[in-house]
Amino acid sequence: MHILIVEDDRLVGDGLQCGLEALGQTADWVQSAGAAESALDLAAFDAVVLDLGLPDEDGLTALGRWRRQGKDVPVLVLTARDAVPERIQGLNKGADDYLTKPFDLEELVARLHSLVRRASGRSSNVMRYGALVFDPTTLEVTLEDRPISLSRRELAVLEALMKQPGRVLSSEQLQNFLYGWSEGVESNAVAVHVHNLRGKLGGNLIETVRGLGYRLKESS
């Protein structure tokens, strides 16, 4: 998953980013509602973790505006406000889930997976494509019931392709799933990860569409 963290507390924001990346996710972190809005305009995210007490604007006000603008990315509100009326207000503004501080990181990740699964119209976290099976919650991959060991970057490419099987994703789109803004990206990074995936999954599963990008195709 590619997660946008909107949190002005440096300790919480840095901890969230490091924790999510340690659990195999890609995370970008901003500290204001304005920066979050710019990020959502520039990049595609699977979900947003949104704090409410932001320095430039209340998080719920920003969320309401994003929904009016048509930004339908799943949003998990992270807050110390635990009163029922405030939770109801947040849900009415367009929040998809709530988690109160302090929180457990693994629960946060489980809730994010649930939001992304529902947004994708899947009834299970497990993703299947022919004989290929990927569980994003455990990061386990099997092909024809045989376990396959993949690196974090390879898992990110595979997850992006399996979310939209048959659709061509450009190198730029795949980079969005792979890397946060603070990381340097070599020009051939995606091609290298695709090459490694083909070596582990078989060369006929990921198709190169010349001039456009990559997509999954059925094994022959």
Protein backbone atom coordinates (compact mmCIF):
# COMPACT_ATOMS: atom_id res chain seq x y z
CA MET A 1 0.00 0.00 0.00
CA HIS A 2 1.01 3.62 -0.57
CA ILE A 3 -0.14 5.62 2.45
CA LEU A 4 -0.27 9.38 2.99
CA ILE A 5 0.23 10.37 6.64
CA VAL A 6 -1.14 13.80 7.62
CA GLU A 7 0.18 14.51 11.11
CA ASP A 8 1.80 17.66 12.53
CA ASP A 9 3.37 15.95 15.57
CA ARG A 10 6.90 15.10 14.45
CA LEU A 11 7.29 12.21 16.87
CA VAL A 12 4.02 10.58 15.83
CA GLY A 13 4.49 11.29 12.12
CA ASP A 14 8.04 9.96 11.97
CA GLY A 15 7.09 6.92 14.03
CA LEU A 16 4.15 6.16 11.74
CA GLN A 17 6.22 6.50 8.60
CA CYS A 18 9.04 4.30 9.91
CA GLY A 19 6.60 1.76 11.33
CA LEU A 20 4.57 1.45 8.14
CA GLU A 21 7.70 1.06 6.03
CA ALA A 22 9.04 -1.58 8.43
CA LEU A 23 5.80 -3.51 7.83
CA GLY A 24 6.32 -3.44 4.06
CA GLN A 25 4.27 -0.36 3.12
CA THR A 26 5.25 2.82 1.29
CA ALA A 27 4.47 5.95 3.31
CA ASP A 28 4.73 9.69 2.70
CA TRP A 29 4.32 12.15 5.55
CA VAL A 30 3.10 15.76 5.49
CA GLN A 31 2.36 18.07 8.40
CA SER A 32 -0.51 20.29 7.23
CA ALA A 33 -3.85 20.14 5.46
CA GLY A 34 -2.51 22.27 2.61
CA ALA A 35 0.44 19.97 2.01
CA ALA A 36 -1.91 16.97 2.11
CA GLU A 37 -4.18 18.49 -0.51
CA SER A 38 -1.21 19.16 -2.80
CA ALA A 39 -0.02 15.58 -2.31
CA LEU A 40 -3.43 14.17 -3.20
CA ASP A 41 -3.46 16.30 -6.36
CA LEU A 42 -0.01 15.09 -7.42
CA ALA A 43 0.07 11.39 -6.54
CA ALA A 44 -2.16 8.34 -6.12
CA PHE A 45 -2.48 6.92 -2.61
CA ASP A 46 -4.24 3.78 -1.42
CA ALA A 47 -5.32 5.44 1.84
CA VAL A 48 -4.78 8.47 4.07
CA VAL A 49 -4.10 8.54 7.82
CA LEU A 50 -5.46 11.93 8.90
CA ASP A 51 -4.89 13.72 12.20
CA LEU A 52 -7.53 16.33 13.09
CA GLY A 53 -5.49 18.90 14.99
CA LEU A 54 -3.51 20.33 12.08
CA PRO A 55 -1.80 23.75 12.29
CA ASP A 56 -3.45 25.38 9.27
CA GLU A 57 -6.93 23.82 9.27
CA ASP A 58 -9.06 21.36 11.17
CA GLY A 59 -8.71 17.92 9.64
CA LEU A 60 -12.46 17.39 9.31
CA THR A 61 -12.86 20.67 7.43
CA ALA A 62 -10.15 19.61 5.01
CA LEU A 63 -11.69 16.16 4.63
CA GLY A 64 -15.10 17.61 3.81
CA ARG A 65 -13.56 19.75 1.08
CA TRP A 66 -11.63 16.81 -0.39
CA ARG A 67 -14.84 14.82 -0.65
CA ARG A 68 -16.61 17.72 -2.37
CA GLN A 69 -13.70 17.86 -4.81
CA GLY A 70 -14.24 14.19 -5.66
CA LYS A 71 -11.20 12.81 -3.83
CA ASP A 72 -12.48 9.37 -2.86
CA VAL A 73 -9.31 7.89 -1.34
CA PRO A 74 -10.12 5.95 1.88
CA VAL A 75 -9.39 8.05 4.99
CA LEU A 76 -8.67 6.75 8.47
CA VAL A 77 -8.96 9.51 11.06
CA LEU A 78 -6.36 9.35 13.81
CA THR A 79 -7.38 11.47 16.79
CA ALA A 80 -7.48 11.99 20.52
CA ARG A 81 -11.12 13.13 20.20
CA ASP A 82 -13.12 10.12 21.33
CA ALA A 83 -16.58 11.65 21.87
CA VAL A 84 -19.37 9.91 19.95
CA PRO A 85 -20.76 13.15 18.39
CA GLU A 86 -17.32 14.00 17.00
CA ARG A 87 -16.92 10.51 15.53
CA ILE A 88 -20.35 10.83 13.92
CA GLN A 89 -19.40 14.23 12.52
CA GLY A 90 -16.23 12.77 11.06
CA LEU A 91 -18.07 9.90 9.41
CA ASN A 92 -20.58 12.34 7.97
CA LYS A 93 -17.72 14.44 6.58
CA GLY A 94 -16.42 11.41 4.69
CA ALA A 95 -14.13 9.54 7.09
CA ASP A 96 -14.04 5.79 6.48
CA ASP A 97 -12.72 4.72 9.87
CA TYR A 98 -11.55 6.10 13.22
CA LEU A 99 -8.66 5.15 15.49
CA THR A 100 -8.02 6.97 18.74
CA LYS A 101 -4.62 7.75 20.22
CA PRO A 102 -2.75 5.93 21.63
CA PHE A 103 -3.01 3.13 19.09
CA ASP A 104 -1.38 -0.14 18.10
CA LEU A 105 0.53 0.03 14.82
CA GLU A 106 -0.51 -3.44 13.70
CA GLU A 107 -4.17 -2.56 14.30
CA LEU A 108 -3.69 0.58 12.22
CA VAL A 109 -2.25 -1.45 9.34
CA ALA A 110 -5.06 -4.02 9.62
CA ARG A 111 -7.65 -1.23 9.42
CA LEU A 112 -5.89 0.28 6.40
CA HIS A 113 -5.91 -3.08 4.62
CA SER A 114 -9.63 -3.37 5.37
CA LEU A 115 -10.32 0.10 3.93
CA VAL A 116 -8.33 -0.61 0.78
CA ARG A 117 -9.99 -4.00 0.36
CA ARG A 118 -13.47 -2.50 0.61
CA ALA A 119 -12.56 0.33 -1.77
CA SER A 120 -11.38 -2.29 -4.28
CA GLY A 121 -14.62 -4.26 -3.97
CA ARG A 122 -12.90 -7.36 -2.61
CA SER A 123 -14.38 -9.51 0.17
CA SER A 124 -10.97 -10.78 1.28
CA ASN A 125 -7.53 -9.25 1.72
CA VAL A 126 -6.06 -12.12 -0.31
CA MET A 127 -5.47 -11.26 -3.96
CA ARG A 128 -5.56 -13.99 -6.62
CA TYR A 129 -4.60 -14.06 -10.26
CA GLY A 130 -4.72 -17.52 -11.75
CA ALA A 131 -2.35 -19.70 -9.72
CA LEU A 132 -0.72 -16.63 -8.16
CA VAL A 133 -1.85 -15.72 -4.62
CA PHE A 134 -0.73 -12.71 -2.58
CA ASP A 135 -1.78 -11.88 0.98
CA PRO A 136 -0.86 -8.22 1.64
CA THR A 137 -1.45 -8.60 5.38
CA THR A 138 1.19 -11.30 5.79
CA LEU A 139 3.23 -10.41 2.66
CA GLU A 140 3.12 -14.08 1.64
CA VAL A 141 3.14 -15.05 -2.05
CA THR A 142 2.47 -18.48 -3.51
CA LEU A 143 2.48 -19.69 -7.10
CA GLU A 144 0.79 -23.02 -7.72
CA ASP A 145 0.84 -23.51 -3.91
CA ARG A 146 4.61 -22.99 -3.84
CA PRO A 147 5.87 -20.19 -1.54
CA ILE A 148 7.80 -17.44 -3.32
CA SER A 149 10.22 -15.16 -1.46
CA LEU A 150 10.06 -11.54 -2.67
CA SER A 151 11.74 -8.35 -1.54
CA ARG A 152 9.72 -5.39 -0.28
CA ARG A 153 10.08 -3.59 -3.63
CA GLU A 154 9.10 -6.69 -5.60
CA LEU A 155 6.04 -7.12 -3.39
CA ALA A 156 5.03 -3.50 -4.03
CA VAL A 157 5.24 -3.95 -7.82
CA LEU A 158 3.32 -7.22 -7.65
CA GLU A 159 0.60 -5.71 -5.45
CA ALA A 160 0.15 -2.77 -7.81
CA LEU A 161 -0.23 -5.06 -10.81
CA MET A 162 -2.56 -7.49 -9.02
CA LYS A 163 -4.87 -4.68 -7.92
CA GLN A 164 -5.61 -3.89 -11.56
CA PRO A 165 -5.01 -7.12 -13.53
CA GLY A 166 -4.92 -6.62 -17.26
CA ARG A 167 -4.47 -2.86 -16.95
CA VAL A 168 -1.21 -1.37 -18.17
CA LEU A 169 0.68 0.57 -15.48
CA SER A 170 3.44 2.93 -16.55
CA SER A 171 6.85 3.01 -14.90
CA GLU A 172 5.88 6.31 -13.28
CA GLN A 173 2.73 4.78 -11.79
CA LEU A 174 4.68 1.83 -10.43
CA GLN A 175 7.28 4.17 -8.95
CA ASN A 176 4.43 5.82 -7.06
CA PHE A 177 3.71 2.51 -5.32
CA LEU A 178 7.39 1.82 -4.72
CA TYR A 179 8.99 4.96 -3.37
CA GLY A 180 8.28 7.82 -1.01
CA TRP A 181 9.19 11.38 -1.95
CA SER A 182 12.33 11.39 0.18
CA GLU A 183 13.90 8.47 -1.65
CA GLY A 184 16.00 8.81 -4.76
CA VAL A 185 14.79 6.70 -7.68
CA GLU A 186 17.09 5.40 -10.37
CA SER A 187 15.70 5.60 -13.90
CA ASN A 188 15.75 1.82 -14.39
CA ALA A 189 14.47 0.89 -10.91
CA VAL A 190 11.08 -0.43 -12.05
CA ALA A 191 12.60 -2.41 -14.91
CA VAL A 192 15.03 -4.05 -12.48
CA HIS A 193 12.24 -5.08 -10.09
CA VAL A 194 10.11 -6.42 -12.95
CA HIS A 195 13.11 -8.40 -14.22
CA ASN A 196 13.61 -9.91 -10.75
CA LEU A 197 9.91 -10.76 -10.46
CA ARG A 198 9.99 -12.54 -13.81
CA GLY A 199 12.92 -14.60 -12.57
CA LYS A 200 10.92 -15.73 -9.54
CA LEU A 201 7.41 -15.98 -11.00
CA GLY A 202 8.18 -17.03 -14.55
CA GLY A 203 8.85 -14.84 -17.56
CA ASN A 204 5.36 -15.08 -19.06
CA LEU A 205 3.34 -13.60 -16.16
CA ILE A 206 4.29 -9.91 -16.47
CA GLU A 207 3.94 -8.48 -19.95
CA THR A 208 5.80 -5.43 -21.24
CA VAL A 209 3.60 -3.21 -23.39
CA ARG A 210 6.14 -1.29 -25.42
CA GLY A 211 6.07 2.43 -24.84
CA LEU A 212 3.34 2.14 -22.17
CA GLY A 213 4.39 -0.03 -19.23
CA TYR A 214 3.57 -3.40 -17.69
CA ARG A 215 0.57 -5.59 -16.94
CA LEU A 216 -0.25 -9.08 -15.73
CA LYS A 217 -1.27 -11.71 -18.22
CA GLU A 218 -2.31 -15.32 -17.80
CA SER A 219 0.43 -17.91 -17.72
CA SER A 220 0.60 -19.98 -20.86
